[in-house]
PDB file of all heavy atoms in Angstrom:
ATOM      1  N   TRP A   1     -36.420 -27.014 -18.909  1.00  0.00           N
ATOM      2  CA  TRP A   1     -37.394 -27.759 -18.133  1.00  0.00           C
ATOM      3  C   TRP A   1     -38.520 -28.266 -19.010  1.00  0.00           C
ATOM      4  O   TRP A   1     -39.051 -29.359 -18.805  1.00  0.00           O
ATOM      5  CB  TRP A   1     -37.981 -26.878 -17.018  1.00  0.00           C
ATOM      6  CG  TRP A   1     -37.004 -26.063 -16.285  1.00  0.00           C
ATOM      7  CD1 TRP A   1     -36.974 -24.710 -16.142  1.00  0.00           C
ATOM      8  CD2 TRP A   1     -35.799 -26.517 -15.565  1.00  0.00           C
ATOM      9  NE1 TRP A   1     -35.908 -24.275 -15.389  1.00  0.00           N
ATOM     10  CE2 TRP A   1     -35.157 -25.358 -15.056  1.00  0.00           C
ATOM     11  CE3 TRP A   1     -35.263 -27.779 -15.369  1.00  0.00           C
ATOM     12  CZ2 TRP A   1     -33.932 -25.465 -14.323  1.00  0.00           C
ATOM     13  CZ3 TRP A   1     -34.082 -27.865 -14.654  1.00  0.00           C
ATOM     14  CH2 TRP A   1     -33.430 -26.723 -14.121  1.00  0.00           C
ATOM     15  N   GLY A   2     -38.819 -27.453 -20.036  1.00  0.00           N
ATOM     16  CA  GLY A   2     -39.886 -27.850 -20.967  1.00  0.00           C
ATOM     17  C   GLY A   2     -39.598 -29.154 -21.691  1.00  0.00           C
ATOM     18  O   GLY A   2     -40.436 -30.036 -21.869  1.00  0.00           O
ATOM     19  N   VAL A   3     -38.331 -29.323 -22.108  1.00  0.00           N
ATOM     20  CA  VAL A   3     -37.919 -30.539 -22.818  1.00  0.00           C
ATOM     21  C   VAL A   3     -38.050 -31.754 -21.882  1.00  0.00           C
ATOM     22  O   VAL A   3     -38.632 -32.804 -22.261  1.00  0.00           O
ATOM     23  CB  VAL A   3     -36.470 -30.458 -23.322  1.00  0.00           C
ATOM     24  CG1 VAL A   3     -35.932 -31.770 -23.752  1.00  0.00           C
ATOM     25  CG2 VAL A   3     -36.382 -29.425 -24.427  1.00  0.00           C
ATOM     26  N   VAL A   4     -37.626 -31.622 -20.662  1.00  0.00           N
ATOM     27  CA  VAL A   4     -37.674 -32.687 -19.715  1.00  0.00           C
ATOM     28  C   VAL A   4     -39.152 -33.101 -19.387  1.00  0.00           C
ATOM     29  O   VAL A   4     -39.557 -34.291 -19.492  1.00  0.00           O
ATOM     30  CB  VAL A   4     -36.931 -32.377 -18.403  1.00  0.00           C
ATOM     31  CG1 VAL A   4     -37.134 -33.449 -17.394  1.00  0.00           C
ATOM     32  CG2 VAL A   4     -35.454 -32.104 -18.673  1.00  0.00           C
ATOM     33  N   LEU A   5     -39.929 -32.112 -19.071  1.00  0.00           N
ATOM     34  CA  LEU A   5     -41.326 -32.346 -18.675  1.00  0.00           C
ATOM     35  C   LEU A   5     -42.176 -32.798 -19.881  1.00  0.00           C
ATOM     36  O   LEU A   5     -43.036 -33.672 -19.717  1.00  0.00           O
ATOM     37  CB  LEU A   5     -41.929 -31.072 -18.077  1.00  0.00           C
ATOM     38  CG  LEU A   5     -41.269 -30.617 -16.759  1.00  0.00           C
ATOM     39  CD1 LEU A   5     -41.840 -29.263 -16.329  1.00  0.00           C
ATOM     40  CD2 LEU A   5     -41.492 -31.686 -15.672  1.00  0.00           C
ATOM     41  N   ALA A   6     -41.937 -32.250 -21.074  1.00  0.00           N
ATOM     42  CA  ALA A   6     -42.666 -32.646 -22.251  1.00  0.00           C
ATOM     43  C   ALA A   6     -42.351 -34.102 -22.615  1.00  0.00           C
ATOM     44  O   ALA A   6     -43.226 -34.887 -23.010  1.00  0.00           O
ATOM     45  CB  ALA A   6     -42.363 -31.753 -23.421  1.00  0.00           C
ATOM     46  N   HIS A   7     -41.123 -34.494 -22.396  1.00  0.00           N
ATOM     47  CA  HIS A   7     -40.696 -35.890 -22.652  1.00  0.00           C
ATOM     48  C   HIS A   7     -41.413 -36.827 -21.701  1.00  0.00           C
ATOM     49  O   HIS A   7     -41.856 -37.945 -22.057  1.00  0.00           O
ATOM     50  CB  HIS A   7     -39.197 -36.058 -22.517  1.00  0.00           C
ATOM     51  CG  HIS A   7     -38.726 -37.445 -22.756  1.00  0.00           C
ATOM     52  ND1 HIS A   7     -38.583 -37.994 -23.991  1.00  0.00           N
ATOM     53  CD2 HIS A   7     -38.337 -38.420 -21.817  1.00  0.00           C
ATOM     54  CE1 HIS A   7     -38.169 -39.252 -23.855  1.00  0.00           C
ATOM     55  NE2 HIS A   7     -38.008 -39.522 -22.574  1.00  0.00           N
ATOM     56  N   LEU A   8     -41.532 -36.420 -20.411  1.00  0.00           N
ATOM     57  CA  LEU A   8     -42.104 -37.295 -19.415  1.00  0.00           C
ATOM     58  C   LEU A   8     -43.640 -37.363 -19.457  1.00  0.00           C
ATOM     59  O   LEU A   8     -44.233 -38.454 -19.191  1.00  0.00           O
ATOM     60  CB  LEU A   8     -41.700 -36.791 -18.001  1.00  0.00           C
ATOM     61  CG  LEU A   8     -40.200 -36.941 -17.678  1.00  0.00           C
ATOM     62  CD1 LEU A   8     -39.906 -36.282 -16.326  1.00  0.00           C
ATOM     63  CD2 LEU A   8     -39.755 -38.369 -17.683  1.00  0.00           C
ATOM     64  N   PHE A   9     -44.247 -36.260 -19.863  1.00  0.00           N
ATOM     65  CA  PHE A   9     -45.706 -36.198 -19.661  1.00  0.00           C
ATOM     66  C   PHE A   9     -46.527 -35.974 -20.957  1.00  0.00           C
ATOM     67  O   PHE A   9     -47.686 -35.787 -20.916  1.00  0.00           O
ATOM     68  CB  PHE A   9     -46.063 -35.029 -18.724  1.00  0.00           C
ATOM     69  CG  PHE A   9     -45.487 -35.250 -17.329  1.00  0.00           C
ATOM     70  CD1 PHE A   9     -44.443 -34.461 -16.888  1.00  0.00           C
ATOM     71  CD2 PHE A   9     -45.964 -36.257 -16.502  1.00  0.00           C
ATOM     72  CE1 PHE A   9     -43.885 -34.668 -15.637  1.00  0.00           C
ATOM     73  CE2 PHE A   9     -45.431 -36.451 -15.262  1.00  0.00           C
ATOM     74  CZ  PHE A   9     -44.386 -35.676 -14.786  1.00  0.00           C
ATOM     75  N   THR A  10     -45.864 -35.999 -22.147  1.00  0.00           N
ATOM     76  CA  THR A  10     -46.603 -35.910 -23.384  1.00  0.00           C
ATOM     77  C   THR A  10     -46.182 -37.068 -24.328  1.00  0.00           C
ATOM     78  O   THR A  10     -45.122 -37.696 -24.120  1.00  0.00           O
ATOM     79  CB  THR A  10     -46.336 -34.583 -24.156  1.00  0.00           C
ATOM     80  OG1 THR A  10     -45.009 -34.550 -24.682  1.00  0.00           O
ATOM     81  CG2 THR A  10     -46.521 -33.423 -23.202  1.00  0.00           C
ATOM     82  N   ARG A  11     -47.013 -37.336 -25.319  1.00  0.00           N
ATOM     83  CA  ARG A  11     -46.712 -38.374 -26.255  1.00  0.00           C
ATOM     84  C   ARG A  11     -46.056 -37.890 -27.529  1.00  0.00           C
ATOM     85  O   ARG A  11     -45.457 -38.669 -28.289  1.00  0.00           O
ATOM     86  CB  ARG A  11     -47.957 -39.187 -26.618  1.00  0.00           C
ATOM     87  CG  ARG A  11     -48.562 -39.984 -25.445  1.00  0.00           C
ATOM     88  CD  ARG A  11     -49.777 -40.739 -25.920  1.00  0.00           C
ATOM     89  NE  ARG A  11     -50.837 -39.840 -26.365  1.00  0.00           N
ATOM     90  CZ  ARG A  11     -51.962 -40.224 -27.035  1.00  0.00           C
ATOM     91  NH1 ARG A  11     -52.121 -41.520 -27.288  1.00  0.00           N
ATOM     92  NH2 ARG A  11     -52.846 -39.354 -27.419  1.00  0.00           N
ATOM     93  N   HIS A  12     -46.221 -36.598 -27.833  1.00  0.00           N
ATOM     94  CA  HIS A  12     -45.837 -36.082 -29.118  1.00  0.00           C
ATOM     95  C   HIS A  12     -44.622 -35.135 -29.102  1.00  0.00           C
ATOM     96  O   HIS A  12     -44.300 -34.555 -30.135  1.00  0.00           O
ATOM     97  CB  HIS A  12     -47.008 -35.381 -29.813  1.00  0.00           C
ATOM     98  CG  HIS A  12     -48.248 -36.250 -29.913  1.00  0.00           C
ATOM     99  ND1 HIS A  12     -48.219 -37.413 -30.652  1.00  0.00           N
ATOM    100  CD2 HIS A  12     -49.486 -36.166 -29.350  1.00  0.00           C
ATOM    101  CE1 HIS A  12     -49.453 -38.002 -30.599  1.00  0.00           C
ATOM    102  NE2 HIS A  12     -50.203 -37.247 -29.797  1.00  0.00           N
ATOM    103  N   GLU A  13     -44.044 -34.974 -27.911  1.00  0.00           N
ATOM    104  CA  GLU A  13     -42.920 -34.060 -27.842  1.00  0.00           C
ATOM    105  C   GLU A  13     -41.740 -34.745 -27.073  1.00  0.00           C
ATOM    106  O   GLU A  13     -41.274 -34.242 -26.068  1.00  0.00           O
ATOM    107  CB  GLU A  13     -43.276 -32.751 -27.189  1.00  0.00           C
ATOM    108  CG  GLU A  13     -44.364 -31.985 -27.960  1.00  0.00           C
ATOM    109  CD  GLU A  13     -44.593 -30.590 -27.410  1.00  0.00           C
ATOM    110  OE1 GLU A  13     -43.643 -29.846 -27.195  1.00  0.00           O
ATOM    111  OE2 GLU A  13     -45.798 -30.254 -27.207  1.00  0.00           O
ATOM    112  N   LYS A  14     -41.320 -35.867 -27.575  1.00  0.00           N
ATOM    113  CA  LYS A  14     -40.286 -36.637 -26.951  1.00  0.00           C
ATOM    114  C   LYS A  14     -38.896 -36.024 -27.184  1.00  0.00           C
ATOM    115  O   LYS A  14     -38.644 -35.443 -28.208  1.00  0.00           O
ATOM    116  CB  LYS A  14     -40.294 -38.086 -27.436  1.00  0.00           C
ATOM    117  CG  LYS A  14     -41.585 -38.850 -27.096  1.00  0.00           C
ATOM    118  CD  LYS A  14     -41.799 -38.881 -25.586  1.00  0.00           C
ATOM    119  CE  LYS A  14     -43.037 -39.678 -25.242  1.00  0.00           C
ATOM    120  NZ  LYS A  14     -43.351 -39.646 -23.772  1.00  0.00           N
ATOM    121  N   ALA A  15     -38.025 -36.237 -26.184  1.00  0.00           N
ATOM    122  CA  ALA A  15     -36.690 -35.654 -26.267  1.00  0.00           C
ATOM    123  C   ALA A  15     -35.833 -36.424 -27.300  1.00  0.00           C
ATOM    124  O   ALA A  15     -35.914 -37.625 -27.389  1.00  0.00           O
ATOM    125  CB  ALA A  15     -35.997 -35.721 -24.933  1.00  0.00           C
ATOM    126  N   THR A  16     -35.089 -35.678 -28.074  1.00  0.00           N
ATOM    127  CA  THR A  16     -34.095 -36.228 -29.029  1.00  0.00           C
ATOM    128  C   THR A  16     -32.686 -36.092 -28.409  1.00  0.00           C
ATOM    129  O   THR A  16     -32.513 -35.347 -27.416  1.00  0.00           O
ATOM    130  CB  THR A  16     -34.171 -35.488 -30.350  1.00  0.00           C
ATOM    131  OG1 THR A  16     -33.830 -34.115 -30.092  1.00  0.00           O
ATOM    132  CG2 THR A  16     -35.567 -35.588 -30.943  1.00  0.00           C
ATOM    133  N   PRO A  17     -31.683 -36.752 -28.993  1.00  0.00           N
ATOM    134  CA  PRO A  17     -30.288 -36.570 -28.458  1.00  0.00           C
ATOM    135  C   PRO A  17     -29.854 -35.126 -28.386  1.00  0.00           C
ATOM    136  O   PRO A  17     -29.213 -34.732 -27.405  1.00  0.00           O
ATOM    137  CB  PRO A  17     -29.460 -37.412 -29.433  1.00  0.00           C
ATOM    138  CG  PRO A  17     -30.381 -38.459 -29.927  1.00  0.00           C
ATOM    139  CD  PRO A  17     -31.747 -37.823 -29.995  1.00  0.00           C
ATOM    140  N   SER A  18     -30.206 -34.333 -29.424  1.00  0.00           N
ATOM    141  CA  SER A  18     -29.773 -32.917 -29.376  1.00  0.00           C
ATOM    142  C   SER A  18     -30.472 -32.173 -28.281  1.00  0.00           C
ATOM    143  O   SER A  18     -29.873 -31.279 -27.684  1.00  0.00           O
ATOM    144  CB  SER A  18     -30.060 -32.261 -30.743  1.00  0.00           C
ATOM    145  OG  SER A  18     -31.448 -32.219 -31.047  1.00  0.00           O
ATOM    146  N   ARG A  19     -31.734 -32.516 -28.028  1.00  0.00           N
ATOM    147  CA  ARG A  19     -32.461 -31.830 -26.924  1.00  0.00           C
ATOM    148  C   ARG A  19     -31.884 -32.214 -25.574  1.00  0.00           C
ATOM    149  O   ARG A  19     -31.810 -31.385 -24.695  1.00  0.00           O
ATOM    150  CB  ARG A  19     -33.937 -32.117 -27.021  1.00  0.00           C
ATOM    151  CG  ARG A  19     -34.642 -31.400 -28.149  1.00  0.00           C
ATOM    152  CD  ARG A  19     -36.113 -31.779 -28.321  1.00  0.00           C
ATOM    153  NE  ARG A  19     -36.700 -31.000 -29.360  1.00  0.00           N
ATOM    154  CZ  ARG A  19     -37.434 -29.894 -29.159  1.00  0.00           C
ATOM    155  NH1 ARG A  19     -37.633 -29.443 -27.943  1.00  0.00           N
ATOM    156  NH2 ARG A  19     -37.975 -29.210 -30.184  1.00  0.00           N
ATOM    157  N   ILE A  20     -31.541 -33.473 -25.390  1.00  0.00           N
ATOM    158  CA  ILE A  20     -30.921 -33.913 -24.143  1.00  0.00           C
ATOM    159  C   ILE A  20     -29.573 -33.180 -23.968  1.00  0.00           C
ATOM    160  O   ILE A  20     -29.281 -32.716 -22.806  1.00  0.00           O
ATOM    161  CB  ILE A  20     -30.723 -35.445 -24.136  1.00  0.00           C
ATOM    162  CG1 ILE A  20     -32.095 -36.138 -24.183  1.00  0.00           C
ATOM    163  CG2 ILE A  20     -29.896 -35.865 -22.950  1.00  0.00           C
ATOM    164  CD1 ILE A  20     -32.029 -37.620 -24.343  1.00  0.00           C
ATOM    165  N   ALA A  21     -28.769 -33.081 -25.020  1.00  0.00           N
ATOM    166  CA  ALA A  21     -27.498 -32.371 -24.926  1.00  0.00           C
ATOM    167  C   ALA A  21     -27.787 -30.918 -24.575  1.00  0.00           C
ATOM    168  O   ALA A  21     -27.036 -30.298 -23.770  1.00  0.00           O
ATOM    169  CB  ALA A  21     -26.786 -32.433 -26.277  1.00  0.00           C
ATOM    170  N   GLY A  22     -28.846 -30.320 -25.128  1.00  0.00           N
ATOM    171  CA  GLY A  22     -29.167 -28.943 -24.797  1.00  0.00           C
ATOM    172  C   GLY A  22     -29.509 -28.714 -23.347  1.00  0.00           C
ATOM    173  O   GLY A  22     -29.122 -27.750 -22.748  1.00  0.00           O
ATOM    174  N   VAL A  23     -30.265 -29.697 -22.798  1.00  0.00           N
ATOM    175  CA  VAL A  23     -30.600 -29.610 -21.347  1.00  0.00           C
ATOM    176  C   VAL A  23     -29.378 -29.671 -20.509  1.00  0.00           C
ATOM    177  O   VAL A  23     -29.218 -28.886 -19.560  1.00  0.00           O
ATOM    178  CB  VAL A  23     -31.570 -30.757 -20.965  1.00  0.00           C
ATOM    179  CG1 VAL A  23     -31.740 -30.845 -19.481  1.00  0.00           C
ATOM    180  CG2 VAL A  23     -32.951 -30.548 -21.671  1.00  0.00           C
ATOM    181  N   LEU A  24     -28.432 -30.558 -20.862  1.00  0.00           N
ATOM    182  CA  LEU A  24     -27.185 -30.713 -20.074  1.00  0.00           C
ATOM    183  C   LEU A  24     -26.323 -29.412 -20.127  1.00  0.00           C
ATOM    184  O   LEU A  24     -25.756 -28.985 -19.162  1.00  0.00           O
ATOM    185  CB  LEU A  24     -26.409 -31.911 -20.536  1.00  0.00           C
ATOM    186  CG  LEU A  24     -27.072 -33.284 -20.324  1.00  0.00           C
ATOM    187  CD1 LEU A  24     -26.194 -34.369 -20.927  1.00  0.00           C
ATOM    188  CD2 LEU A  24     -27.299 -33.508 -18.855  1.00  0.00           C
ATOM    189  N   LEU A  25     -26.262 -28.851 -21.361  1.00  0.00           N
ATOM    190  CA  LEU A  25     -25.510 -27.606 -21.482  1.00  0.00           C
ATOM    191  C   LEU A  25     -26.190 -26.447 -20.678  1.00  0.00           C
ATOM    192  O   LEU A  25     -25.503 -25.680 -20.014  1.00  0.00           O
ATOM    193  CB  LEU A  25     -25.451 -27.215 -22.965  1.00  0.00           C
ATOM    194  CG  LEU A  25     -24.456 -27.931 -23.855  1.00  0.00           C
ATOM    195  CD1 LEU A  25     -24.717 -27.644 -25.330  1.00  0.00           C
ATOM    196  CD2 LEU A  25     -23.040 -27.528 -23.489  1.00  0.00           C
ATOM    197  N   GLY A  26     -27.503 -26.404 -20.747  1.00  0.00           N
ATOM    198  CA  GLY A  26     -28.233 -25.377 -20.005  1.00  0.00           C
ATOM    199  C   GLY A  26     -28.030 -25.539 -18.494  1.00  0.00           C
ATOM    200  O   GLY A  26     -27.826 -24.527 -17.776  1.00  0.00           O
ATOM    201  N   LEU A  27     -28.113 -26.774 -18.052  1.00  0.00           N
ATOM    202  CA  LEU A  27     -27.920 -27.002 -16.572  1.00  0.00           C
ATOM    203  C   LEU A  27     -26.480 -26.591 -16.136  1.00  0.00           C
ATOM    204  O   LEU A  27     -26.291 -26.096 -15.064  1.00  0.00           O
ATOM    205  CB  LEU A  27     -28.215 -28.446 -16.289  1.00  0.00           C
ATOM    206  CG  LEU A  27     -29.656 -28.876 -16.346  1.00  0.00           C
ATOM    207  CD1 LEU A  27     -29.801 -30.384 -16.101  1.00  0.00           C
ATOM    208  CD2 LEU A  27     -30.534 -28.109 -15.370  1.00  0.00           C
ATOM    209  N   ALA A  28     -25.533 -26.897 -17.086  1.00  0.00           N
ATOM    210  CA  ALA A  28     -24.136 -26.467 -16.749  1.00  0.00           C
ATOM    211  C   ALA A  28     -24.072 -24.961 -16.621  1.00  0.00           C
ATOM    212  O   ALA A  28     -23.380 -24.444 -15.719  1.00  0.00           O
ATOM    213  CB  ALA A  28     -23.179 -26.961 -17.834  1.00  0.00           C
TER     214      ALA A  28
END
């Protein structure tokens, strides 16, 4: 959740492809 929210609401902690893949694996 931190990766998703930090990407949406901060300027300096944007999601990278590996972080997006990590979120999808975690949700699975």
